[in-house]
C-alpha atoms as a PDB file:
ATOM      1  CA  MET A   1     160.650-136.963  -7.618  1.00  0.00           C
ATOM      2  CA  CYS A   2     163.736-136.232  -5.565  1.00  0.00           C
ATOM      3  CA  ASN A   3     166.592-133.939  -6.752  1.00  0.00           C
ATOM      4  CA  ILE A   4     169.367-135.005  -4.581  1.00  0.00           C
ATOM      5  CA  THR A   5     172.036-132.133  -4.056  1.00  0.00           C
ATOM      6  CA  SER A   6     173.706-133.002  -0.623  1.00  0.00           C
ATOM      7  CA  LEU A   7     173.628-135.291   2.507  1.00  0.00           C
ATOM      8  CA  ALA A   8     172.935-134.939   6.100  1.00  0.00           C
ATOM      9  CA  GLN A   9     170.862-135.702   9.294  1.00  0.00           C
ATOM     10  CA  PRO A  10     167.186-134.525   9.455  1.00  0.00           C
ATOM     11  CA  LEU A  11     166.236-131.653  11.238  1.00  0.00           C
ATOM     12  CA  PHE A  12     162.466-130.749  10.720  1.00  0.00           C
ATOM     13  CA  GLY A  13     161.061-127.126  11.117  1.00  0.00           C
ATOM     14  CA  VAL A  14     159.267-124.520   9.081  1.00  0.00           C
ATOM     15  CA  ILE A  15     160.356-121.289   8.028  1.00  0.00           C
ATOM     16  CA  VAL A  16     157.534-119.334   7.416  1.00  0.00           C
ATOM     17  CA  PRO A  17     156.848-115.217   7.682  1.00  0.00           C
ATOM     18  CA  SER A  18     155.168-113.818  10.815  1.00  0.00           C
ATOM     19  CA  PRO A  19     151.369-113.438  10.654  1.00  0.00           C
ATOM     20  CA  ASN A  20     149.678-110.106   9.294  1.00  0.00           C
ATOM     21  CA  PRO A  21     147.166-108.554  11.786  1.00  0.00           C
ATOM     22  CA  GLY A  22     144.011-110.156  10.885  1.00  0.00           C
ATOM     23  CA  GLN A  23     145.576-113.572   9.577  1.00  0.00           C
ATOM     24  CA  ASN A  24     144.003-116.761  11.014  1.00  0.00           C
ATOM     25  CA  VAL A  25     146.898-118.211  13.169  1.00  0.00           C
ATOM     26  CA  GLY A  26     145.167-121.545  13.483  1.00  0.00           C
ATOM     27  CA  LYS A  27     145.196-121.831   9.700  1.00  0.00           C
ATOM     28  CA  ILE A  28     148.995-120.889   9.626  1.00  0.00           C
ATOM     29  CA  LEU A  29     149.796-123.555  12.225  1.00  0.00           C
ATOM     30  CA  GLN A  30     148.007-125.967  10.267  1.00  0.00           C
ATOM     31  CA  GLN A  31     149.965-124.821   7.148  1.00  0.00           C
ATOM     32  CA  GLN A  32     153.147-125.268   9.064  1.00  0.00           C
ATOM     33  CA  GLU A  33     152.373-128.593  10.059  1.00  0.00           C
ATOM     34  CA  GLU A  34     151.445-129.843   6.603  1.00  0.00           C
ATOM     35  CA  LEU A  35     154.598-128.390   5.487  1.00  0.00           C
ATOM     36  CA  ALA A  36     156.635-130.067   8.230  1.00  0.00           C
ATOM     37  CA  GLN A  37     154.981-133.495   7.331  1.00  0.00           C
ATOM     38  CA  ARG A  38     155.951-133.013   3.811  1.00  0.00           C
ATOM     39  CA  GLY A  39     159.378-132.468   4.628  1.00  0.00           C
ATOM     40  CA  GLN A  40     159.414-135.769   6.636  1.00  0.00           C
ATOM     41  CA  GLU A  41     157.727-137.502   3.811  1.00  0.00           C
ATOM     42  CA  LEU A  42     160.529-136.429   1.552  1.00  0.00           C
ATOM     43  CA  TYR A  43     162.787-137.336   3.892  1.00  0.00           C
ATOM     44  CA  GLU A  44     161.936-140.811   4.368  1.00  0.00           C
ATOM     45  CA  SER A  45     161.059-141.544   1.000  1.00  0.00           C
ATOM     46  CA  CYS A  46     163.940-139.909  -1.053  1.00  0.00           C
ATOM     47  CA  ILE A  47     166.795-138.483   1.211  1.00  0.00           C
ATOM     48  CA  ARG A  48     167.513-140.799   4.300  1.00  0.00           C
ATOM     49  CA  SER A  49     168.810-143.749   2.181  1.00  0.00           C
ATOM     50  CA  LYS A  50     171.363-141.560   0.455  1.00  0.00           C
ATOM     51  CA  ILE A  51     172.546-139.593   3.392  1.00  0.00           C
ATOM     52  CA  GLU A  52     172.469-141.901   6.712  1.00  0.00           C
ATOM     53  CA  VAL A  53     175.910-143.222   6.699  1.00  0.00           C
ATOM     54  CA  GLY A  54     178.500-140.601   7.796  1.00  0.00           C
ATOM     55  CA  ASN A  55     176.682-137.636   8.440  1.00  0.00           C
ATOM     56  CA  ASP A  56     175.821-137.928  12.064  1.00  0.00           C
ATOM     57  CA  GLY A  57     175.249-134.295  13.783  1.00  0.00           C
ATOM     58  CA  LYS A  58     174.596-132.376  10.272  1.00  0.00           C
ATOM     59  CA  ILE A  59     171.470-130.683   9.463  1.00  0.00           C
ATOM     60  CA  VAL A  60     169.425-130.968   6.098  1.00  0.00           C
ATOM     61  CA  ALA A  61     167.130-128.248   4.652  1.00  0.00           C
ATOM     62  CA  ILE A  62     164.550-129.598   2.232  1.00  0.00           C
ATOM     63  CA  ASP A  63     163.037-127.785  -0.338  1.00  0.00           C
ATOM     64  CA  ILE A  64     159.767-129.261  -0.419  1.00  0.00           C
ATOM     65  CA  GLU A  65     158.268-127.968  -3.764  1.00  0.00           C
ATOM     66  CA  LEU A  66     161.498-129.257  -5.614  1.00  0.00           C
ATOM     67  CA  GLY A  67     162.637-131.900  -3.282  1.00  0.00           C
ATOM     68  CA  GLU A  68     165.972-130.571  -3.196  1.00  0.00           C
ATOM     69  CA  PHE A  69     168.051-130.400  -0.152  1.00  0.00           C
ATOM     70  CA  GLU A  70     171.329-128.946   1.272  1.00  0.00           C
ATOM     71  CA  VAL A  71     173.443-130.070   4.141  1.00  0.00           C
ATOM     72  CA  ASP A  72     175.731-128.150   6.620  1.00  0.00           C
ATOM     73  CA  GLU A  73     177.114-128.316   9.918  1.00  0.00           C
ATOM     74  CA  THR A  74     174.720-125.278  10.983  1.00  0.00           C
ATOM     75  CA  VAL A  75     171.152-123.934  10.161  1.00  0.00           C
ATOM     76  CA  MET A  76     172.478-121.047   8.403  1.00  0.00           C
ATOM     77  CA  GLY A  77     174.611-122.888   6.263  1.00  0.00           C
ATOM     78  CA  ALA A  78     172.060-125.595   5.389  1.00  0.00           C
ATOM     79  CA  THR A  79     169.269-122.930   4.792  1.00  0.00           C
ATOM     80  CA  ASP A  80     171.215-120.230   2.969  1.00  0.00           C
ATOM     81  CA  TRP A  81     170.614-121.310  -0.413  1.00  0.00           C
ATOM     82  CA  LEU A  82     166.977-121.423  -0.203  1.00  0.00           C
ATOM     83  CA  PHE A  83     166.802-117.619   0.154  1.00  0.00           C
ATOM     84  CA  LYS A  84     169.377-117.223  -3.147  1.00  0.00           C
ATOM     85  CA  THR A  85     166.779-118.763  -5.460  1.00  0.00           C
END
């Protein structure tokens, strides 16, 4: 299920907190890869066809739990809403 809230081109990355002392860095990296893969899957299956035309150079931030996304000219603009929920 995808909730479409905006349009853009993909920029795949994962925002995660820094590891705490004693955390398994390998496991954190694996989790980051899984999150990026989920974002890629959502983009390809639900978002790309809606935003491909007319949005070259823009950035899309995807909430992988809700399938919602936002688009902006900057990373900060695209991701700002993620931290307000």
